[in-house]
Amino acid sequence: MLNVSEKIISRATDLTNLLMLKYITMLEDLKVYEAEVESSDMSPEDKEATLSMINLLKNIVVKEIYSLAAEGLFTGTNTQEESVAL
């Protein structure tokens, strides 16, 4: 039987893995939005501004992913991180 600290660490790891999966899903969504903007009939200025915002969001999400990984709780199991190229 797990003691209390092991249960807390296990739960924190599970939550971190879930958060990592959410971040990866967010990156995938941002890539889709980027493709939609690039193929849209927006003005070049609007496209540039929108793509700039998308890239800013992607950079923030990637920083969060690396931050979670650096904390050492992320295990990389039971998620799809391995299939997504950052």
PDB file of N, CA and C in Angstrom:
ATOM      1  N   MET A   1       0.838  -1.178   0.000  1.00  0.00           N
ATOM      2  CA  MET A   1       0.000   0.000   0.000  1.00  0.00           C
ATOM      3  C   MET A   1       0.885   1.245   0.000  1.00  0.00           C
ATOM      4  N   LEU A   2       0.484   2.219  -0.787  1.00  0.00           N
ATOM      5  CA  LEU A   2       1.269   3.453  -0.901  1.00  0.00           C
ATOM      6  C   LEU A   2       1.079   4.333   0.327  1.00  0.00           C
ATOM      7  N   ASN A   3       2.183   4.946   0.762  1.00  0.00           N
ATOM      8  CA  ASN A   3       2.019   5.894   1.855  1.00  0.00           C
ATOM      9  C   ASN A   3       1.541   7.234   1.290  1.00  0.00           C
ATOM     10  N   VAL A   4       1.266   8.173   2.144  1.00  0.00           N
ATOM     11  CA  VAL A   4       0.657   9.435   1.730  1.00  0.00           C
ATOM     12  C   VAL A   4       1.538  10.201   0.754  1.00  0.00           C
ATOM     13  N   SER A   5       2.830  10.290   1.004  1.00  0.00           N
ATOM     14  CA  SER A   5       3.699  11.051   0.106  1.00  0.00           C
ATOM     15  C   SER A   5       3.791  10.386  -1.262  1.00  0.00           C
ATOM     16  N   GLU A   6       3.789   9.060  -1.319  1.00  0.00           N
ATOM     17  CA  GLU A   6       3.796   8.365  -2.601  1.00  0.00           C
ATOM     18  C   GLU A   6       2.499   8.612  -3.369  1.00  0.00           C
ATOM     19  N   LYS A   7       1.385   8.663  -2.657  1.00  0.00           N
ATOM     20  CA  LYS A   7       0.100   8.960  -3.301  1.00  0.00           C
ATOM     21  C   LYS A   7       0.091  10.373  -3.868  1.00  0.00           C
ATOM     22  N   ILE A   8       0.642  11.319  -3.126  1.00  0.00           N
ATOM     23  CA  ILE A   8       0.686  12.710  -3.592  1.00  0.00           C
ATOM     24  C   ILE A   8       1.564  12.820  -4.831  1.00  0.00           C
ATOM     25  N   ILE A   9       2.722  12.177  -4.803  1.00  0.00           N
ATOM     26  CA  ILE A   9       3.624  12.205  -5.956  1.00  0.00           C
ATOM     27  C   ILE A   9       2.976  11.537  -7.156  1.00  0.00           C
ATOM     28  N   SER A  10       2.301  10.427  -6.919  1.00  0.00           N
ATOM     29  CA  SER A  10       1.621   9.727  -8.005  1.00  0.00           C
ATOM     30  C   SER A  10       0.533  10.601  -8.619  1.00  0.00           C
ATOM     31  N   ARG A  11      -0.230  11.259  -7.787  1.00  0.00           N
ATOM     32  CA  ARG A  11      -1.308  12.137  -8.284  1.00  0.00           C
ATOM     33  C   ARG A  11      -0.731  13.337  -9.017  1.00  0.00           C
ATOM     34  N   ALA A  12       0.342  13.909  -8.503  1.00  0.00           N
ATOM     35  CA  ALA A  12       0.988  15.038  -9.168  1.00  0.00           C
ATOM     36  C   ALA A  12       1.526  14.621 -10.534  1.00  0.00           C
ATOM     37  N   THR A  13       2.081  13.430 -10.605  1.00  0.00           N
ATOM     38  CA  THR A  13       2.588  12.915 -11.882  1.00  0.00           C
ATOM     39  C   THR A  13       1.441  12.724 -12.870  1.00  0.00           C
ATOM     40  N   ASP A  14       0.340  12.158 -12.408  1.00  0.00           N
ATOM     41  CA  ASP A  14      -0.832  11.967 -13.272  1.00  0.00           C
ATOM     42  C   ASP A  14      -1.353  13.304 -13.792  1.00  0.00           C
ATOM     43  N   LEU A  15      -1.445  14.281 -12.923  1.00  0.00           N
ATOM     44  CA  LEU A  15      -1.931  15.603 -13.332  1.00  0.00           C
ATOM     45  C   LEU A  15      -0.961  16.278 -14.300  1.00  0.00           C
ATOM     46  N   THR A  16       0.323  16.113 -14.064  1.00  0.00           N
ATOM     47  CA  THR A  16       1.326  16.678 -14.965  1.00  0.00           C
ATOM     48  C   THR A  16       1.233  16.034 -16.337  1.00  0.00           C
ATOM     49  N   ASN A  17       1.050  14.725 -16.385  1.00  0.00           N
ATOM     50  CA  ASN A  17       0.898  14.030 -17.665  1.00  0.00           C
ATOM     51  C   ASN A  17      -0.344  14.515 -18.403  1.00  0.00           C
ATOM     52  N   LEU A  18      -1.419  14.722 -17.679  1.00  0.00           N
ATOM     53  CA  LEU A  18      -2.641  15.229 -18.285  1.00  0.00           C
ATOM     54  C   LEU A  18      -2.431  16.641 -18.835  1.00  0.00           C
ATOM     55  N   LEU A  19      -1.768  17.477 -18.066  1.00  0.00           N
ATOM     56  CA  LEU A  19      -1.475  18.830 -18.518  1.00  0.00           C
ATOM     57  C   LEU A  19      -0.582  18.817 -19.753  1.00  0.00           C
ATOM     58  N   MET A  20       0.396  17.929 -19.775  1.00  0.00           N
ATOM     59  CA  MET A  20       1.283  17.814 -20.936  1.00  0.00           C
ATOM     60  C   MET A  20       0.479  17.422 -22.173  1.00  0.00           C
ATOM     61  N   LEU A  21      -0.436  16.491 -22.018  1.00  0.00           N
ATOM     62  CA  LEU A  21      -1.279  16.086 -23.139  1.00  0.00           C
ATOM     63  C   LEU A  21      -2.121  17.257 -23.638  1.00  0.00           C
ATOM     64  N   LYS A  22      -2.641  18.053 -22.710  1.00  0.00           N
ATOM     65  CA  LYS A  22      -3.427  19.233 -23.095  1.00  0.00           C
ATOM     66  C   LYS A  22      -2.561  20.216 -23.880  1.00  0.00           C
ATOM     67  N   TYR A  23      -1.319  20.434 -23.437  1.00  0.00           N
ATOM     68  CA  TYR A  23      -0.410  21.341 -24.139  1.00  0.00           C
ATOM     69  C   TYR A  23      -0.100  20.837 -25.541  1.00  0.00           C
ATOM     70  N   ILE A  24       0.114  19.549 -25.662  1.00  0.00           N
ATOM     71  CA  ILE A  24       0.416  18.984 -26.972  1.00  0.00           C
ATOM     72  C   ILE A  24      -0.783  19.106 -27.901  1.00  0.00           C
ATOM     73  N   THR A  25      -1.969  18.883 -27.368  1.00  0.00           N
ATOM     74  CA  THR A  25      -3.190  19.066 -28.150  1.00  0.00           C
ATOM     75  C   THR A  25      -3.325  20.518 -28.594  1.00  0.00           C
ATOM     76  N   MET A  26      -2.975  21.439 -27.698  1.00  0.00           N
ATOM     77  CA  MET A  26      -3.021  22.856 -28.030  1.00  0.00           C
ATOM     78  C   MET A  26      -2.060  23.173 -29.183  1.00  0.00           C
ATOM     79  N   LEU A  27      -0.864  22.603 -29.142  1.00  0.00           N
ATOM     80  CA  LEU A  27       0.096  22.813 -30.229  1.00  0.00           C
ATOM     81  C   LEU A  27      -0.439  22.286 -31.552  1.00  0.00           C
ATOM     82  N   GLU A  28      -1.054  21.130 -31.512  1.00  0.00           N
ATOM     83  CA  GLU A  28      -1.645  20.567 -32.731  1.00  0.00           C
ATOM     84  C   GLU A  28      -2.735  21.488 -33.269  1.00  0.00           C
ATOM     85  N   ASP A  29      -3.575  22.008 -32.380  1.00  0.00           N
ATOM     86  CA  ASP A  29      -4.632  22.934 -32.799  1.00  0.00           C
ATOM     87  C   ASP A  29      -4.047  24.204 -33.407  1.00  0.00           C
ATOM     88  N   LEU A  30      -2.991  24.717 -32.803  1.00  0.00           N
ATOM     89  CA  LEU A  30      -2.362  25.935 -33.326  1.00  0.00           C
ATOM     90  C   LEU A  30      -1.768  25.704 -34.710  1.00  0.00           C
ATOM     91  N   LYS A  31      -1.233  24.514 -34.946  1.00  0.00           N
ATOM     92  CA  LYS A  31      -0.711  24.187 -36.278  1.00  0.00           C
ATOM     93  C   LYS A  31      -1.837  24.159 -37.310  1.00  0.00           C
ATOM     94  N   VAL A  32      -2.996  23.648 -36.918  1.00  0.00           N
ATOM     95  CA  VAL A  32      -4.156  23.628 -37.816  1.00  0.00           C
ATOM     96  C   VAL A  32      -4.605  25.056 -38.117  1.00  0.00           C
ATOM     97  N   TYR A  33      -4.690  25.890 -37.078  1.00  0.00           N
ATOM     98  CA  TYR A  33      -5.086  27.286 -37.276  1.00  0.00           C
ATOM     99  C   TYR A  33      -4.096  28.011 -38.174  1.00  0.00           C
ATOM    100  N   GLU A  34      -2.825  27.714 -38.005  1.00  0.00           N
ATOM    101  CA  GLU A  34      -1.793  28.337 -38.824  1.00  0.00           C
ATOM    102  C   GLU A  34      -2.007  27.994 -40.298  1.00  0.00           C
ATOM    103  N   ALA A  35      -2.283  26.732 -40.581  1.00  0.00           N
ATOM    104  CA  ALA A  35      -2.528  26.307 -41.961  1.00  0.00           C
ATOM    105  C   ALA A  35      -3.781  26.968 -42.524  1.00  0.00           C
ATOM    106  N   GLU A  36      -4.814  27.095 -41.699  1.00  0.00           N
ATOM    107  CA  GLU A  36      -6.047  27.734 -42.152  1.00  0.00           C
ATOM    108  C   GLU A  36      -5.819  29.208 -42.482  1.00  0.00           C
ATOM    109  N   VAL A  37      -5.032  29.882 -41.658  1.00  0.00           N
ATOM    110  CA  VAL A  37      -4.746  31.298 -41.903  1.00  0.00           C
ATOM    111  C   VAL A  37      -3.927  31.450 -43.174  1.00  0.00           C
ATOM    112  N   GLU A  38      -2.920  30.596 -43.342  1.00  0.00           N
ATOM    113  CA  GLU A  38      -2.064  30.689 -44.526  1.00  0.00           C
ATOM    114  C   GLU A  38      -2.842  30.486 -45.822  1.00  0.00           C
ATOM    115  N   SER A  39      -3.880  29.665 -45.785  1.00  0.00           N
ATOM    116  CA  SER A  39      -4.656  29.404 -46.997  1.00  0.00           C
ATOM    117  C   SER A  39      -5.909  30.282 -47.104  1.00  0.00           C
ATOM    118  N   SER A  40      -6.077  31.193 -46.173  1.00  0.00           N
ATOM    119  CA  SER A  40      -7.274  32.038 -46.189  1.00  0.00           C
ATOM    120  C   SER A  40      -7.102  33.208 -47.152  1.00  0.00           C
ATOM    121  N   ASP A  41      -8.193  33.944 -47.343  1.00  0.00           N
ATOM    122  CA  ASP A  41      -8.153  35.109 -48.224  1.00  0.00           C
ATOM    123  C   ASP A  41      -7.998  36.412 -47.432  1.00  0.00           C
ATOM    124  N   MET A  42      -7.377  36.315 -46.263  1.00  0.00           N
ATOM    125  CA  MET A  42      -7.120  37.499 -45.451  1.00  0.00           C
ATOM    126  C   MET A  42      -6.094  38.390 -46.155  1.00  0.00           C
ATOM    127  N   SER A  43      -6.106  39.636 -45.784  1.00  0.00           N
ATOM    128  CA  SER A  43      -5.099  40.540 -46.335  1.00  0.00           C
ATOM    129  C   SER A  43      -3.723  40.116 -45.817  1.00  0.00           C
ATOM    130  N   PRO A  44      -2.666  40.422 -46.557  1.00  0.00           N
ATOM    131  CA  PRO A  44      -1.321  40.046 -46.104  1.00  0.00           C
ATOM    132  C   PRO A  44      -0.987  40.582 -44.710  1.00  0.00           C
ATOM    133  N   GLU A  45      -1.447  41.781 -44.406  1.00  0.00           N
ATOM    134  CA  GLU A  45      -1.175  42.360 -43.082  1.00  0.00           C
ATOM    135  C   GLU A  45      -1.895  41.582 -41.985  1.00  0.00           C
ATOM    136  N   ASP A  46      -3.169  41.229 -42.242  1.00  0.00           N
ATOM    137  CA  ASP A  46      -3.926  40.455 -41.257  1.00  0.00           C
ATOM    138  C   ASP A  46      -3.327  39.061 -41.076  1.00  0.00           C
ATOM    139  N   LYS A  47      -2.909  38.447 -42.186  1.00  0.00           N
ATOM    140  CA  LYS A  47      -2.272  37.134 -42.101  1.00  0.00           C
ATOM    141  C   LYS A  47      -1.015  37.212 -41.253  1.00  0.00           C
ATOM    142  N   GLU A  48      -0.196  38.208 -41.523  1.00  0.00           N
ATOM    143  CA  GLU A  48       1.054  38.349 -40.785  1.00  0.00           C
ATOM    144  C   GLU A  48       0.793  38.548 -39.294  1.00  0.00           C
ATOM    145  N   ALA A  49      -0.175  39.379 -38.964  1.00  0.00           N
ATOM    146  CA  ALA A  49      -0.498  39.635 -37.556  1.00  0.00           C
ATOM    147  C   ALA A  49      -1.044  38.377 -36.880  1.00  0.00           C
ATOM    148  N   THR A  50      -1.916  37.669 -37.565  1.00  0.00           N
ATOM    149  CA  THR A  50      -2.508  36.458 -36.999  1.00  0.00           C
ATOM    150  C   THR A  50      -1.465  35.366 -36.835  1.00  0.00           C
ATOM    151  N   LEU A  51      -0.631  35.179 -37.848  1.00  0.00           N
ATOM    152  CA  LEU A  51       0.426  34.173 -37.751  1.00  0.00           C
ATOM    153  C   LEU A  51       1.429  34.526 -36.659  1.00  0.00           C
ATOM    154  N   SER A  52       1.665  35.794 -36.475  1.00  0.00           N
ATOM    155  CA  SER A  52       2.556  36.236 -35.411  1.00  0.00           C
ATOM    156  C   SER A  52       1.982  35.874 -34.040  1.00  0.00           C
ATOM    157  N   MET A  53       0.689  36.078 -33.860  1.00  0.00           N
ATOM    158  CA  MET A  53       0.039  35.708 -32.598  1.00  0.00           C
ATOM    159  C   MET A  53       0.070  34.197 -32.384  1.00  0.00           C
ATOM    160  N   ILE A  54      -0.174  33.440 -33.440  1.00  0.00           N
ATOM    161  CA  ILE A  54      -0.141  31.981 -33.340  1.00  0.00           C
ATOM    162  C   ILE A  54       1.254  31.518 -32.941  1.00  0.00           C
ATOM    163  N   ASN A  55       2.279  32.093 -33.549  1.00  0.00           N
ATOM    164  CA  ASN A  55       3.656  31.717 -33.198  1.00  0.00           C
ATOM    165  C   ASN A  55       3.990  32.083 -31.763  1.00  0.00           C
ATOM    166  N   LEU A  56       3.492  33.221 -31.306  1.00  0.00           N
ATOM    167  CA  LEU A  56       3.697  33.618 -29.914  1.00  0.00           C
ATOM    168  C   LEU A  56       3.067  32.589 -28.973  1.00  0.00           C
ATOM    169  N   LEU A  57       1.843  32.179 -29.285  1.00  0.00           N
ATOM    170  CA  LEU A  57       1.165  31.171 -28.462  1.00  0.00           C
ATOM    171  C   LEU A  57       1.908  29.838 -28.492  1.00  0.00           C
ATOM    172  N   LYS A  58       2.387  29.442 -29.672  1.00  0.00           N
ATOM    173  CA  LYS A  58       3.140  28.193 -29.773  1.00  0.00           C
ATOM    174  C   LYS A  58       4.397  28.255 -28.910  1.00  0.00           C
ATOM    175  N   ASN A  59       5.091  29.385 -28.933  1.00  0.00           N
ATOM    176  CA  ASN A  59       6.305  29.530 -28.114  1.00  0.00           C
ATOM    177  C   ASN A  59       5.993  29.443 -26.627  1.00  0.00           C
ATOM    178  N   ILE A  60       4.887  30.037 -26.211  1.00  0.00           N
ATOM    179  CA  ILE A  60       4.490  29.975 -24.798  1.00  0.00           C
ATOM    180  C   ILE A  60       4.185  28.541 -24.395  1.00  0.00           C
ATOM    181  N   VAL A  61       3.463  27.825 -25.235  1.00  0.00           N
ATOM    182  CA  VAL A  61       3.104  26.437 -24.926  1.00  0.00           C
ATOM    183  C   VAL A  61       4.361  25.564 -24.869  1.00  0.00           C
ATOM    184  N   VAL A  62       5.282  25.762 -25.815  1.00  0.00           N
ATOM    185  CA  VAL A  62       6.516  24.976 -25.813  1.00  0.00           C
ATOM    186  C   VAL A  62       7.319  25.251 -24.543  1.00  0.00           C
ATOM    187  N   LYS A  63       7.380  26.509 -24.115  1.00  0.00           N
ATOM    188  CA  LYS A  63       8.082  26.841 -22.867  1.00  0.00           C
ATOM    189  C   LYS A  63       7.441  26.126 -21.681  1.00  0.00           C
ATOM    190  N   GLU A  64       6.123  26.069 -21.650  1.00  0.00           N
ATOM    191  CA  GLU A  64       5.431  25.371 -20.570  1.00  0.00           C
ATOM    192  C   GLU A  64       5.726  23.883 -20.597  1.00  0.00           C
ATOM    193  N   ILE A  65       5.792  23.311 -21.789  1.00  0.00           N
ATOM    194  CA  ILE A  65       6.111  21.884 -21.913  1.00  0.00           C
ATOM    195  C   ILE A  65       7.506  21.616 -21.353  1.00  0.00           C
ATOM    196  N   TYR A  66       8.466  22.443 -21.739  1.00  0.00           N
ATOM    197  CA  TYR A  66       9.826  22.251 -21.231  1.00  0.00           C
ATOM    198  C   TYR A  66       9.902  22.491 -19.731  1.00  0.00           C
ATOM    199  N   SER A  67       9.110  23.417 -19.242  1.00  0.00           N
ATOM    200  CA  SER A  67       9.085  23.691 -17.810  1.00  0.00           C
ATOM    201  C   SER A  67       8.550  22.483 -17.044  1.00  0.00           C
ATOM    202  N   LEU A  68       7.479  21.883 -17.543  1.00  0.00           N
ATOM    203  CA  LEU A  68       6.935  20.680 -16.904  1.00  0.00           C
ATOM    204  C   LEU A  68       7.947  19.547 -16.939  1.00  0.00           C
ATOM    205  N   ALA A  69       8.601  19.386 -18.069  1.00  0.00           N
ATOM    206  CA  ALA A  69       9.585  18.311 -18.192  1.00  0.00           C
ATOM    207  C   ALA A  69      10.751  18.535 -17.226  1.00  0.00           C
ATOM    208  N   ALA A  70      11.145  19.780 -17.035  1.00  0.00           N
ATOM    209  CA  ALA A  70      12.261  20.091 -16.141  1.00  0.00           C
ATOM    210  C   ALA A  70      11.919  19.829 -14.676  1.00  0.00           C
ATOM    211  N   GLU A  71      10.640  19.888 -14.332  1.00  0.00           N
ATOM    212  CA  GLU A  71      10.237  19.639 -12.950  1.00  0.00           C
ATOM    213  C   GLU A  71      10.405  18.179 -12.552  1.00  0.00           C
ATOM    214  N   GLY A  72      10.525  17.314 -13.541  1.00  0.00           N
ATOM    215  CA  GLY A  72      10.787  15.918 -13.241  1.00  0.00           C
ATOM    216  C   GLY A  72       9.568  15.075 -12.922  1.00  0.00           C
ATOM    217  N   LEU A  73       8.374  15.644 -12.981  1.00  0.00           N
ATOM    218  CA  LEU A  73       7.174  14.853 -12.700  1.00  0.00           C
ATOM    219  C   LEU A  73       6.639  14.166 -13.947  1.00  0.00           C
ATOM    220  N   PHE A  74       6.954  14.726 -15.101  1.00  0.00           N
ATOM    221  CA  PHE A  74       6.425  14.182 -16.339  1.00  0.00           C
ATOM    222  C   PHE A  74       7.099  12.850 -16.643  1.00  0.00           C
ATOM    223  N   THR A  75       6.288  11.819 -16.865  1.00  0.00           N
ATOM    224  CA  THR A  75       6.845  10.488 -17.112  1.00  0.00           C
ATOM    225  C   THR A  75       6.825  10.100 -18.573  1.00  0.00           C
ATOM    226  N   GLY A  76       5.948  10.710 -19.356  1.00  0.00           N
ATOM    227  CA  GLY A  76       5.880  10.379 -20.770  1.00  0.00           C
ATOM    228  C   GLY A  76       5.139   9.093 -21.070  1.00  0.00           C
ATOM    229  N   THR A  77       4.429   8.559 -20.094  1.00  0.00           N
ATOM    230  CA  THR A  77       3.680   7.327 -20.315  1.00  0.00           C
ATOM    231  C   THR A  77       2.202   7.632 -20.470  1.00  0.00           C
ATOM    232  N   ASN A  78       1.544   6.784 -21.227  1.00  0.00           N
ATOM    233  CA  ASN A  78       0.091   6.878 -21.423  1.00  0.00           C
ATOM    234  C   ASN A  78      -0.346   8.170 -22.071  1.00  0.00           C
ATOM    235  N   THR A  79       0.524   8.823 -22.824  1.00  0.00           N
ATOM    236  CA  THR A  79       0.168  10.024 -23.567  1.00  0.00           C
ATOM    237  C   THR A  79       0.739   9.938 -24.956  1.00  0.00           C
ATOM    238  N   GLN A  80       0.491  10.956 -25.766  1.00  0.00           N
ATOM    239  CA  GLN A  80       0.880  10.933 -27.154  1.00  0.00           C
ATOM    240  C   GLN A  80       2.090  11.795 -27.460  1.00  0.00           C
ATOM    241  N   GLU A  81       2.871  12.217 -26.471  1.00  0.00           N
ATOM    242  CA  GLU A  81       3.973  13.129 -26.710  1.00  0.00           C
ATOM    243  C   GLU A  81       4.967  12.592 -27.721  1.00  0.00           C
ATOM    244  N   GLU A  82       5.204  11.291 -27.703  1.00  0.00           N
ATOM    245  CA  GLU A  82       6.213  10.711 -28.566  1.00  0.00           C
ATOM    246  C   GLU A  82       5.867  10.891 -30.046  1.00  0.00           C
ATOM    247  N   SER A  83       4.592  11.052 -30.359  1.00  0.00           N
ATOM    248  CA  SER A  83       4.185  11.130 -31.746  1.00  0.00           C
ATOM    249  C   SER A  83       4.147  12.568 -32.270  1.00  0.00           C
ATOM    250  N   VAL A  84       4.409  13.527 -31.418  1.00  0.00           N
ATOM    251  CA  VAL A  84       4.316  14.925 -31.828  1.00  0.00           C
ATOM    252  C   VAL A  84       5.713  15.524 -31.872  1.00  0.00           C
ATOM    253  N   ALA A  85       6.061  16.072 -33.005  1.00  0.00           N
ATOM    254  CA  ALA A  85       7.369  16.736 -33.130  1.00  0.00           C
ATOM    255  C   ALA A  85       7.217  18.191 -32.739  1.00  0.00           C
ATOM    256  N   LEU A  86       7.991  18.614 -31.769  1.00  0.00           N
ATOM    257  CA  LEU A  86       7.959  20.007 -31.366  1.00  0.00           C
ATOM    258  C   LEU A  86       8.866  20.744 -32.283  1.00  0.00           C
TER     259      LEU A  86
END
